PDB file of N, CA and C in Angstrom:
ATOM      1  N   MET A   1      29.040  29.599   6.624  1.00  0.00           N
ATOM      2  CA  MET A   1      28.237  28.165   6.778  1.00  0.00           C
ATOM      3  C   MET A   1      28.665  27.788   8.388  1.00  0.00           C
ATOM      4  N   ILE A   2      30.060  27.821   8.482  1.00  0.00           N
ATOM      5  CA  ILE A   2      30.583  27.548   9.995  1.00  0.00           C
ATOM      6  C   ILE A   2      29.998  28.315  11.068  1.00  0.00           C
ATOM      7  N   VAL A   3      29.847  29.652  10.647  1.00  0.00           N
ATOM      8  CA  VAL A   3      29.340  30.677  11.603  1.00  0.00           C
ATOM      9  C   VAL A   3      27.781  30.229  11.911  1.00  0.00           C
ATOM     10  N   GLY A   4      26.949  29.698  10.911  1.00  0.00           N
ATOM     11  CA  GLY A   4      25.625  29.325  11.098  1.00  0.00           C
ATOM     12  C   GLY A   4      25.602  28.208  11.916  1.00  0.00           C
ATOM     13  N   ILE A   5      26.608  26.962  11.855  1.00  0.00           N
ATOM     14  CA  ILE A   5      26.317  25.790  12.429  1.00  0.00           C
ATOM     15  C   ILE A   5      26.765  26.109  13.966  1.00  0.00           C
ATOM     16  N   VAL A   6      27.893  27.056  14.067  1.00  0.00           N
ATOM     17  CA  VAL A   6      28.239  27.391  15.671  1.00  0.00           C
ATOM     18  C   VAL A   6      27.191  28.041  16.330  1.00  0.00           C
ATOM     19  N   LEU A   7      26.405  29.193  15.586  1.00  0.00           N
ATOM     20  CA  LEU A   7      25.255  29.833  16.312  1.00  0.00           C
ATOM     21  C   LEU A   7      24.153  28.786  16.698  1.00  0.00           C
ATOM     22  N   ILE A   8      23.996  27.877  15.701  1.00  0.00           N
ATOM     23  CA  ILE A   8      22.722  27.142  16.162  1.00  0.00           C
ATOM     24  C   ILE A   8      23.145  26.182  17.337  1.00  0.00           C
ATOM     25  N   ALA A   9      24.216  25.707  17.277  1.00  0.00           N
ATOM     26  CA  ALA A   9      24.728  24.792  18.396  1.00  0.00           C
ATOM     27  C   ALA A   9      24.740  25.374  19.688  1.00  0.00           C
ATOM     28  N   PHE A  10      25.266  26.594  19.728  1.00  0.00           N
ATOM     29  CA  PHE A  10      25.176  27.224  20.953  1.00  0.00           C
ATOM     30  C   PHE A  10      23.864  27.533  21.485  1.00  0.00           C
ATOM     31  N   GLY A  11      23.109  28.209  20.680  1.00  0.00           N
ATOM     32  CA  GLY A  11      21.641  28.248  20.855  1.00  0.00           C
ATOM     33  C   GLY A  11      20.751  27.132  21.402  1.00  0.00           C
ATOM     34  N   LEU A  12      21.264  25.959  20.847  1.00  0.00           N
ATOM     35  CA  LEU A  12      20.557  24.607  21.312  1.00  0.00           C
ATOM     36  C   LEU A  12      21.213  24.291  22.704  1.00  0.00           C
ATOM     37  N   TYR A  13      22.610  24.392  22.784  1.00  0.00           N
ATOM     38  CA  TYR A  13      23.019  24.165  24.124  1.00  0.00           C
ATOM     39  C   TYR A  13      22.573  25.234  25.172  1.00  0.00           C
ATOM     40  N   ASN A  14      22.164  26.362  24.835  1.00  0.00           N
ATOM     41  CA  ASN A  14      21.727  27.202  26.031  1.00  0.00           C
ATOM     42  C   ASN A  14      20.382  26.753  26.160  1.00  0.00           C
ATOM     43  N   ALA A  15      19.724  26.383  25.240  1.00  0.00           N
ATOM     44  CA  ALA A  15      18.003  25.968  25.434  1.00  0.00           C
ATOM     45  C   ALA A  15      17.952  24.847  26.295  1.00  0.00           C
ATOM     46  N   PHE A  16      18.827  23.735  26.055  1.00  0.00           N
ATOM     47  CA  PHE A  16      18.449  22.403  26.776  1.00  0.00           C
ATOM     48  C   PHE A  16      19.324  22.055  27.828  1.00  0.00           C
ATOM     49  N   VAL A  17      20.326  22.697  28.059  1.00  0.00           N
ATOM     50  CA  VAL A  17      21.572  22.261  29.034  1.00  0.00           C
ATOM     51  C   VAL A  17      21.214  23.205  30.198  1.00  0.00           C
ATOM     52  N   PRO A  18      20.890  22.556  31.659  1.00  0.00           N
ATOM     53  CA  PRO A  18      20.730  23.289  32.556  1.00  0.00           C
ATOM     54  C   PRO A  18      22.157  24.022  33.065  1.00  0.00           C
ATOM     55  N   GLN A  19      21.891  25.243  33.285  1.00  0.00           N
ATOM     56  CA  GLN A  19      23.094  26.274  33.643  1.00  0.00           C
ATOM     57  C   GLN A  19      23.156  25.894  35.253  1.00  0.00           C
ATOM     58  N   GLU A  20      24.308  25.753  35.837  1.00  0.00           N
ATOM     59  CA  GLU A  20      24.733  25.674  37.066  1.00  0.00           C
ATOM     60  C   GLU A  20      24.675  27.262  37.861  1.00  0.00           C
ATOM     61  N   VAL A  21      23.735  27.524  38.683  1.00  0.00           N
ATOM     62  CA  VAL A  21      23.515  28.658  39.253  1.00  0.00           C
ATOM     63  C   VAL A  21      24.222  28.874  40.713  1.00  0.00           C
ATOM     64  N   LEU A  22      24.283  27.754  41.400  1.00  0.00           N
ATOM     65  CA  LEU A  22      24.818  27.834  42.917  1.00  0.00           C
ATOM     66  C   LEU A  22      25.336  26.568  43.297  1.00  0.00           C
ATOM     67  N   ASP A  23      26.520  26.564  43.945  1.00  0.00           N
ATOM     68  CA  ASP A  23      27.220  25.249  44.218  1.00  0.00           C
ATOM     69  C   ASP A  23      27.810  25.589  45.504  1.00  0.00           C
ATOM     70  N   ILE A  24      27.460  25.174  46.769  1.00  0.00           N
ATOM     71  CA  ILE A  24      27.944  25.601  48.106  1.00  0.00           C
ATOM     72  C   ILE A  24      27.976  24.004  48.502  1.00  0.00           C
ATOM     73  N   GLY A  25      29.163  23.660  48.717  1.00  0.00           N
ATOM     74  CA  GLY A  25      29.525  22.175  49.235  1.00  0.00           C
ATOM     75  C   GLY A  25      28.421  21.244  48.913  1.00  0.00           C
ATOM     76  N   PRO A  26      27.548  20.294  49.421  1.00  0.00           N
ATOM     77  CA  PRO A  26      26.993  19.421  48.709  1.00  0.00           C
ATOM     78  C   PRO A  26      25.614  20.216  48.189  1.00  0.00           C
ATOM     79  N   LEU A  27      25.347  21.373  48.483  1.00  0.00           N
ATOM     80  CA  LEU A  27      24.196  21.762  47.697  1.00  0.00           C
ATOM     81  C   LEU A  27      24.488  22.390  46.579  1.00  0.00           C
ATOM     82  N   GLU A  28      23.582  21.987  45.246  1.00  0.00           N
ATOM     83  CA  GLU A  28      23.904  22.560  44.092  1.00  0.00           C
ATOM     84  C   GLU A  28      22.624  22.659  43.502  1.00  0.00           C
ATOM     85  N   VAL A  29      22.460  24.054  42.947  1.00  0.00           N
ATOM     86  CA  VAL A  29      21.305  24.405  42.356  1.00  0.00           C
ATOM     87  C   VAL A  29      21.357  24.702  41.182  1.00  0.00           C
ATOM     88  N   ASN A  30      20.691  24.153  40.250  1.00  0.00           N
ATOM     89  CA  ASN A  30      20.707  24.093  38.683  1.00  0.00           C
ATOM     90  C   ASN A  30      19.351  24.922  38.201  1.00  0.00           C
ATOM     91  N   ALA A  31      19.354  25.659  37.202  1.00  0.00           N
ATOM     92  CA  ALA A  31      18.358  26.111  36.533  1.00  0.00           C
ATOM     93  C   ALA A  31      18.462  25.861  35.193  1.00  0.00           C
ATOM     94  N   LYS A  32      17.178  25.748  34.607  1.00  0.00           N
ATOM     95  CA  LYS A  32      17.165  25.619  33.291  1.00  0.00           C
ATOM     96  C   LYS A  32      15.908  26.544  32.490  1.00  0.00           C
ATOM     97  N   GLU A  33      16.608  27.587  31.800  1.00  0.00           N
ATOM     98  CA  GLU A  33      15.643  28.462  31.346  1.00  0.00           C
ATOM     99  C   GLU A  33      14.938  28.128  30.101  1.00  0.00           C
ATOM    100  N   ASP A  34      13.753  28.396  29.924  1.00  0.00           N
ATOM    101  CA  ASP A  34      13.150  27.930  28.407  1.00  0.00           C
ATOM    102  C   ASP A  34      13.652  28.885  27.546  1.00  0.00           C
ATOM    103  N   LEU A  35      13.121  28.656  26.394  1.00  0.00           N
ATOM    104  CA  LEU A  35      13.516  29.565  25.181  1.00  0.00           C
ATOM    105  C   LEU A  35      13.350  30.957  25.255  1.00  0.00           C
ATOM    106  N   SER A  36      14.430  31.547  25.603  1.00  0.00           N
ATOM    107  CA  SER A  36      14.429  33.092  25.805  1.00  0.00           C
ATOM    108  C   SER A  36      14.553  33.538  24.069  1.00  0.00           C
ATOM    109  N   ASN A  37      14.397  34.977  24.088  1.00  0.00           N
ATOM    110  CA  ASN A  37      14.346  35.686  22.842  1.00  0.00           C
ATOM    111  C   ASN A  37      15.879  35.523  22.327  1.00  0.00           C
ATOM    112  N   GLN A  38      16.607  35.512  23.135  1.00  0.00           N
ATOM    113  CA  GLN A  38      18.173  35.365  23.084  1.00  0.00           C
ATOM    114  C   GLN A  38      18.530  34.352  22.341  1.00  0.00           C
ATOM    115  N   THR A  39      18.184  33.020  22.957  1.00  0.00           N
ATOM    116  CA  THR A  39      18.463  31.890  22.279  1.00  0.00           C
ATOM    117  C   THR A  39      17.426  31.587  20.945  1.00  0.00           C
ATOM    118  N   LEU A  40      16.421  32.186  20.922  1.00  0.00           N
ATOM    119  CA  LEU A  40      15.751  31.944  19.590  1.00  0.00           C
ATOM    120  C   LEU A  40      16.630  32.785  18.562  1.00  0.00           C
ATOM    121  N   GLY A  41      16.894  33.875  18.877  1.00  0.00           N
ATOM    122  CA  GLY A  41      17.840  34.953  17.887  1.00  0.00           C
ATOM    123  C   GLY A  41      18.909  34.373  17.615  1.00  0.00           C
ATOM    124  N   MET A  42      19.350  33.637  18.280  1.00  0.00           N
ATOM    125  CA  MET A  42      20.871  33.045  17.847  1.00  0.00           C
ATOM    126  C   MET A  42      20.618  31.685  16.928  1.00  0.00           C
ATOM    127  N   ILE A  43      19.484  30.891  17.233  1.00  0.00           N
ATOM    128  CA  ILE A  43      19.200  29.937  16.351  1.00  0.00           C
ATOM    129  C   ILE A  43      18.544  30.480  15.080  1.00  0.00           C
ATOM    130  N   GLY A  44      17.955  31.861  14.866  1.00  0.00           N
ATOM    131  CA  GLY A  44      17.376  32.098  13.799  1.00  0.00           C
ATOM    132  C   GLY A  44      18.445  32.711  12.987  1.00  0.00           C
ATOM    133  N   LEU A  45      19.408  33.341  13.652  1.00  0.00           N
ATOM    134  CA  LEU A  45      20.578  34.015  12.922  1.00  0.00           C
ATOM    135  C   LEU A  45      21.401  32.744  12.323  1.00  0.00           C
ATOM    136  N   GLY A  46      21.712  31.728  13.213  1.00  0.00           N
ATOM    137  CA  GLY A  46      22.292  30.725  12.712  1.00  0.00           C
ATOM    138  C   GLY A  46      21.796  29.847  11.253  1.00  0.00           C
ATOM    139  N   ILE A  47      20.472  29.855  11.240  1.00  0.00           N
ATOM    140  CA  ILE A  47      19.996  29.415  10.077  1.00  0.00           C
ATOM    141  C   ILE A  47      19.852  30.235   8.951  1.00  0.00           C
ATOM    142  N   VAL A  48      19.657  31.658   9.169  1.00  0.00           N
ATOM    143  CA  VAL A  48      19.772  32.475   8.279  1.00  0.00           C
ATOM    144  C   VAL A  48      21.311  32.738   7.443  1.00  0.00           C
ATOM    145  N   ALA A  49      22.410  32.465   8.361  1.00  0.00           N
ATOM    146  CA  ALA A  49      23.687  32.260   8.029  1.00  0.00           C
ATOM    147  C   ALA A  49      23.933  31.121   7.141  1.00  0.00           C
ATOM    148  N   LEU A  50      23.358  29.756   7.357  1.00  0.00           N
ATOM    149  CA  LEU A  50      23.574  28.773   6.927  1.00  0.00           C
ATOM    150  C   LEU A  50      22.942  28.794   5.527  1.00  0.00           C
ATOM    151  N   VAL A  51      21.648  29.359   5.229  1.00  0.00           N
ATOM    152  CA  VAL A  51      20.947  29.492   4.041  1.00  0.00           C
ATOM    153  C   VAL A  51      21.888  30.655   3.061  1.00  0.00           C
ATOM    154  N   ALA A  52      22.280  31.671   3.900  1.00  0.00           N
ATOM    155  CA  ALA A  52      23.243  32.533   2.895  1.00  0.00           C
ATOM    156  C   ALA A  52      24.593  32.045   2.469  1.00  0.00           C
ATOM    157  N   GLY A  53      24.972  31.170   3.243  1.00  0.00           N
ATOM    158  CA  GLY A  53      26.408  30.376   2.912  1.00  0.00           C
ATOM    159  C   GLY A  53      26.129  29.317   1.902  1.00  0.00           C
ATOM    160  N   ALA A  54      24.881  28.702   1.693  1.00  0.00           N
ATOM    161  CA  ALA A  54      24.679  27.875   0.757  1.00  0.00           C
ATOM    162  C   ALA A  54      24.381  28.574  -0.493  1.00  0.00           C
ATOM    163  N   PHE A  55      23.630  29.783  -0.511  1.00  0.00           N
ATOM    164  CA  PHE A  55      23.491  30.302  -1.837  1.00  0.00           C
ATOM    165  C   PHE A  55      24.867  31.024  -2.289  1.00  0.00           C
ATOM    166  N   LEU A  56      25.610  31.817  -1.470  1.00  0.00           N
ATOM    167  CA  LEU A  56      26.822  32.093  -1.726  1.00  0.00           C
ATOM    168  C   LEU A  56      27.828  31.030  -2.517  1.00  0.00           C
ATOM    169  N   LYS A  57      27.713  29.993  -1.898  1.00  0.00           N
ATOM    170  CA  LYS A  57      28.526  28.683  -2.493  1.00  0.00           C
ATOM    171  C   LYS A  57      28.265  28.588  -3.598  1.00  0.00           C
ATOM    172  N   ASP A  58      26.908  28.386  -4.105  1.00  0.00           N
ATOM    173  CA  ASP A  58      26.463  28.161  -5.297  1.00  0.00           C
ATOM    174  C   ASP A  58      26.809  29.051  -6.367  1.00  0.00           C
ATOM    175  N   ARG A  59      26.743  30.222  -6.140  1.00  0.00           N
ATOM    176  CA  ARG A  59      27.150  31.400  -7.157  1.00  0.00           C
ATOM    177  C   ARG A  59      28.289  31.349  -7.749  1.00  0.00           C
ATOM    178  N   LYS A  60      29.271  30.924  -6.911  1.00  0.00           N
ATOM    179  CA  LYS A  60      30.864  30.914  -7.661  1.00  0.00           C
ATOM    180  C   LYS A  60      30.936  29.877  -8.751  1.00  0.00           C
TER     181      LYS A  60
END
């Protein structure tokens, strides 16, 4: 379950926080990518890990 939470958090961070691309003195350029396949994959795997963790926890 912890892995699922980390994957979802990292995917959401990459999706919504602009990444610094260039920083030269007073000039700073930031870029924000839209939801890429990698970001969606991380979020999807996180959800699958959470669901699997919940089912495995209930089985014992």
